[in-house]
N, C-alpha and C. Protein backbone atom coordinates (compact mmCIF):
# COMPACT_ATOMS: atom_id res chain seq x y z
N UNK A 1 0.40 -1.25 0.19
CA UNK A 1 -0.14 0.09 -0.16
C UNK A 1 0.82 1.29 0.15
N UNK A 2 0.42 2.30 -0.61
CA UNK A 2 1.20 3.59 -0.76
C UNK A 2 1.05 4.32 0.44
N UNK A 3 2.13 5.06 0.84
CA UNK A 3 1.98 6.09 1.72
C UNK A 3 1.00 6.84 1.60
N UNK A 4 0.44 7.56 0.91
CA UNK A 4 -0.72 8.19 0.90
C UNK A 4 -2.11 7.30 0.97
N UNK A 5 -2.04 6.07 0.87
CA UNK A 5 -3.27 5.39 0.71
C UNK A 5 -3.33 5.46 2.36
N UNK A 6 -2.00 4.45 2.90
CA UNK A 6 -2.45 4.71 4.59
C UNK A 6 -2.70 5.82 5.26
N UNK A 7 -1.92 6.84 4.98
CA UNK A 7 -2.38 8.42 5.28
C UNK A 7 -4.17 8.39 5.29
N UNK A 8 -4.61 7.86 3.99
CA UNK A 8 -5.97 8.20 4.12
C UNK A 8 -6.91 7.40 5.08
N UNK A 9 -6.24 6.03 4.79
CA UNK A 9 -6.58 4.79 5.71
C UNK A 9 -6.88 5.46 7.25
N UNK A 10 -5.64 6.50 7.63
CA UNK A 10 -5.82 6.78 9.08
C UNK A 10 -6.99 7.60 9.69
N UNK A 11 -7.17 8.63 7.85
CA UNK A 11 -7.87 9.55 8.46
C UNK A 11 -9.37 8.85 8.28
N UNK A 12 -9.69 7.86 7.87
CA UNK A 12 -10.80 7.57 7.41
C UNK A 12 -11.00 6.69 8.98
N UNK A 13 -10.33 6.25 9.56
CA UNK A 13 -10.46 5.56 11.11
C UNK A 13 -10.73 6.65 11.74
N UNK A 14 -10.01 7.81 12.09
CA UNK A 14 -10.43 8.71 12.74
C UNK A 14 -11.73 9.33 12.51
N UNK A 15 -12.00 9.58 11.48
CA UNK A 15 -13.72 10.01 11.35
C UNK A 15 -14.82 9.16 11.41
N UNK A 16 -14.18 7.46 11.44
CA UNK A 16 -15.18 6.58 12.33
C UNK A 16 -15.18 6.79 13.50
N UNK A 17 -13.75 7.22 14.25
CA UNK A 17 -14.41 7.28 15.65
C UNK A 17 -14.82 8.47 15.96
N UNK A 18 -14.74 9.58 15.34
CA UNK A 18 -15.46 10.63 15.65
C UNK A 18 -16.29 10.31 15.52
N UNK A 19 -17.37 10.05 14.61
CA UNK A 19 -18.69 10.02 14.23
C UNK A 19 -19.18 8.66 15.13
N UNK A 20 -18.34 8.38 15.36
CA UNK A 20 -19.30 6.83 16.50
C UNK A 20 -19.55 7.73 17.70
N UNK A 21 -18.59 8.68 18.18
CA UNK A 21 -19.48 9.54 19.29
C UNK A 21 -20.02 10.46 18.94
N UNK A 22 -19.94 11.14 18.15
CA UNK A 22 -21.11 12.20 17.50
C UNK A 22 -21.99 11.83 17.65
N UNK A 23 -22.40 10.45 17.06
CA UNK A 23 -23.61 9.77 16.68
C UNK A 23 -24.45 9.37 18.34
N UNK A 24 -23.56 8.81 19.32
CA UNK A 24 -23.61 8.65 20.56
C UNK A 24 -23.57 9.51 21.65
N UNK A 25 -21.96 9.17 22.10
CA UNK A 25 -21.88 10.10 23.50
C UNK A 25 -22.21 11.55 23.40
N UNK A 26 -21.84 12.16 22.45
CA UNK A 26 -21.54 13.27 21.97
C UNK A 26 -22.88 14.26 21.94
N UNK A 27 -24.10 13.20 21.39
CA UNK A 27 -25.26 13.80 20.38
C UNK A 27 -25.60 14.52 21.13
N UNK A 28 -25.96 14.16 22.84
CA UNK A 28 -27.09 15.21 23.01
C UNK A 28 -26.56 16.47 23.36
N UNK A 29 -25.08 16.86 23.62
CA UNK A 29 -24.67 17.60 23.97
C UNK A 29 -24.68 18.85 22.41
N UNK A 30 -24.51 18.20 21.45
CA UNK A 30 -25.10 18.95 20.12
C UNK A 30 -26.08 19.39 19.87
N UNK A 31 -26.96 18.88 20.20
CA UNK A 31 -28.27 19.11 20.10
C UNK A 31 -28.50 20.82 20.02
N UNK A 32 -28.11 21.45 21.31
CA UNK A 32 -28.36 22.98 21.80
C UNK A 32 -27.48 24.18 21.09
N UNK A 33 -26.30 22.99 19.78
CA UNK A 33 -25.74 23.85 19.06
C UNK A 33 -24.88 24.95 19.44
N UNK A 34 -24.75 25.28 20.99
CA UNK A 34 -24.01 25.82 20.87
C UNK A 34 -22.55 26.39 20.23
N UNK A 35 -22.26 25.38 19.46
CA UNK A 35 -20.94 25.62 18.77
C UNK A 35 -20.91 26.96 17.26
N UNK A 36 -22.59 26.93 17.16
CA UNK A 36 -22.70 27.92 16.49
C UNK A 36 -23.23 29.55 16.99
N UNK A 37 -23.20 29.72 18.04
CA UNK A 37 -23.39 30.72 19.16
C UNK A 37 -22.07 31.61 19.41
N UNK A 38 -21.37 32.47 18.67
CA UNK A 38 -20.18 33.38 18.55
C UNK A 38 -19.85 33.72 19.62
N UNK A 39 -19.00 33.30 20.60
CA UNK A 39 -18.45 34.18 21.76
C UNK A 39 -18.55 33.08 22.83
N UNK A 40 -19.28 31.96 22.15
CA UNK A 40 -19.39 30.79 23.27
C UNK A 40 -17.82 29.89 23.36
N UNK A 41 -17.57 29.44 24.56
CA UNK A 41 -16.37 28.43 23.99
C UNK A 41 -16.77 27.44 23.36
N UNK A 42 -17.63 26.91 23.44
CA UNK A 42 -17.68 25.84 22.34
C UNK A 42 -17.49 26.30 20.96
N UNK A 43 -18.04 27.43 20.07
CA UNK A 43 -17.42 27.84 19.03
C UNK A 43 -15.96 28.43 18.75
N UNK A 44 -15.47 28.68 20.20
CA UNK A 44 -13.96 28.93 20.02
C UNK A 44 -13.62 27.14 19.86
N UNK A 45 -13.49 26.23 20.64
CA UNK A 45 -13.31 24.87 20.59
C UNK A 45 -13.60 24.17 19.03
N UNK A 46 -14.58 24.63 18.51
CA UNK A 46 -14.85 23.71 17.02
C UNK A 46 -14.14 24.45 16.08
N UNK A 47 -13.79 25.53 16.54
CA UNK A 47 -12.80 26.52 15.12
C UNK A 47 -11.66 25.66 15.31
N UNK A 48 -11.13 25.88 16.58
CA UNK A 48 -9.40 24.87 16.72
C UNK A 48 -9.58 23.94 16.57
N UNK A 49 -10.75 22.94 16.34
CA UNK A 49 -10.69 21.84 16.16
C UNK A 49 -10.74 21.74 14.10
N UNK A 50 -11.65 22.71 14.10
CA UNK A 50 -11.42 22.59 12.27
C UNK A 50 -10.05 23.04 11.88
N UNK A 51 -9.50 24.27 12.29
CA UNK A 51 -8.25 24.97 11.91
C UNK A 51 -7.44 24.01 12.29
N UNK A 52 -7.32 22.73 13.07
CA UNK A 52 -5.81 21.98 13.33
C UNK A 52 -6.44 20.43 12.71
N UNK A 53 -7.71 20.15 11.76
CA UNK A 53 -8.15 19.57 11.22
C UNK A 53 -7.57 19.95 9.79
N UNK A 54 -7.53 21.36 9.28
CA UNK A 54 -7.05 21.41 7.91
C UNK A 54 -5.99 21.65 8.00
N UNK A 55 -4.84 22.00 9.29
CA UNK A 55 -3.65 21.86 9.28
C UNK A 55 -2.74 20.26 9.18
N UNK A 56 -3.41 19.77 9.86
CA UNK A 56 -3.36 18.39 9.19
C UNK A 56 -3.31 18.02 7.79
N UNK A 57 -4.82 17.97 7.47
CA UNK A 57 -4.62 17.85 5.89
C UNK A 57 -3.27 18.46 5.31
N UNK A 58 -3.54 19.58 5.13
CA UNK A 58 -2.16 20.18 4.39
C UNK A 58 -0.84 19.33 4.44
N UNK A 59 -0.54 19.21 5.66
CA UNK A 59 0.58 18.48 6.07
C UNK A 59 0.72 17.29 5.61
N UNK A 60 -0.83 16.73 5.06
CA UNK A 60 -0.68 15.07 4.73
C UNK A 60 -0.64 15.73 3.34
N UNK A 61 -1.09 16.81 2.35
CA UNK A 61 -0.76 16.95 1.14
C UNK A 61 0.49 17.17 1.24
N UNK A 62 1.09 17.94 1.71
CA UNK A 62 2.29 18.69 1.64
C UNK A 62 3.65 17.98 1.65
N UNK A 63 3.29 17.03 2.73
CA UNK A 63 4.45 16.13 3.23
C UNK A 63 4.94 16.69 4.68
N UNK A 64 5.58 16.24 5.44
CA UNK A 64 5.94 17.06 6.53
C UNK A 64 7.09 17.66 6.26
N UNK A 65 7.01 19.10 7.24
CA UNK A 65 8.19 19.84 6.40
C UNK A 65 8.57 20.20 8.46
N UNK A 66 10.16 20.45 7.77
CA UNK A 66 10.79 20.22 8.98
C UNK A 66 10.71 21.65 9.87
N UNK A 67 10.22 20.95 11.38
CA UNK A 67 10.69 22.61 12.01
C UNK A 67 11.77 22.53 13.37
N UNK A 68 12.48 23.39 12.99
CA UNK A 68 13.58 23.61 13.81
C UNK A 68 13.46 24.00 15.10
N UNK A 69 14.72 23.37 16.39
CA UNK A 69 13.85 23.21 17.40
C UNK A 69 12.80 22.42 17.57
N UNK A 70 12.10 21.28 17.29
CA UNK A 70 11.02 20.09 17.82
C UNK A 70 11.50 18.88 17.65
N UNK A 71 13.34 18.74 17.73
CA UNK A 71 13.92 16.89 17.28
C UNK A 71 13.08 16.13 18.60
N UNK A 72 13.01 16.71 19.56
CA UNK A 72 12.49 15.86 20.30
C UNK A 72 11.11 15.57 20.62
N UNK A 73 10.30 16.13 19.27
CA UNK A 73 8.29 16.03 18.99
C UNK A 73 8.43 14.64 18.44
N UNK A 74 7.03 13.91 18.52
CA UNK A 74 6.72 13.02 17.87
C UNK A 74 5.84 13.19 16.63
N UNK A 75 5.50 14.15 16.27
CA UNK A 75 4.84 14.38 15.24
C UNK A 75 5.53 15.71 14.48
N UNK A 76 5.55 14.95 13.16
CA UNK A 76 6.30 15.89 12.01
C UNK A 76 5.57 17.00 11.45
N UNK A 77 4.59 16.85 11.65
CA UNK A 77 3.86 18.09 11.47
C UNK A 77 3.49 19.35 12.36
N UNK A 78 3.89 20.70 11.19
CA UNK A 78 3.91 21.33 12.35
C UNK A 78 1.84 21.62 12.73
N UNK A 79 1.84 21.98 14.40
CA UNK A 79 0.50 21.87 14.89
C UNK A 79 0.56 23.74 14.75
N UNK A 80 -0.70 23.52 14.52
CA UNK A 80 -1.87 24.62 13.95
C UNK A 80 -2.28 25.48 15.28
N UNK A 81 -2.48 26.53 14.99
CA UNK A 81 -2.59 27.94 16.60
C UNK A 81 -1.73 28.14 17.15
């Protein structure tokens, strides 16, 4: 399997795990749609998560970029935020 195929498998597995929680454990918490209300902490968390997801996707597309001074970290991708 190609590296990009493996990356897609990882993304699909993450989505499946999060989707299960959204449909079960978190579904009641999402009914209020507080993540859509500007100025709430839920909105900030939602945008933070979305920003990180986009950064992760760019990292997969562009490939790992070296971050100087981060030799002791395990994630080769640049952290968002």
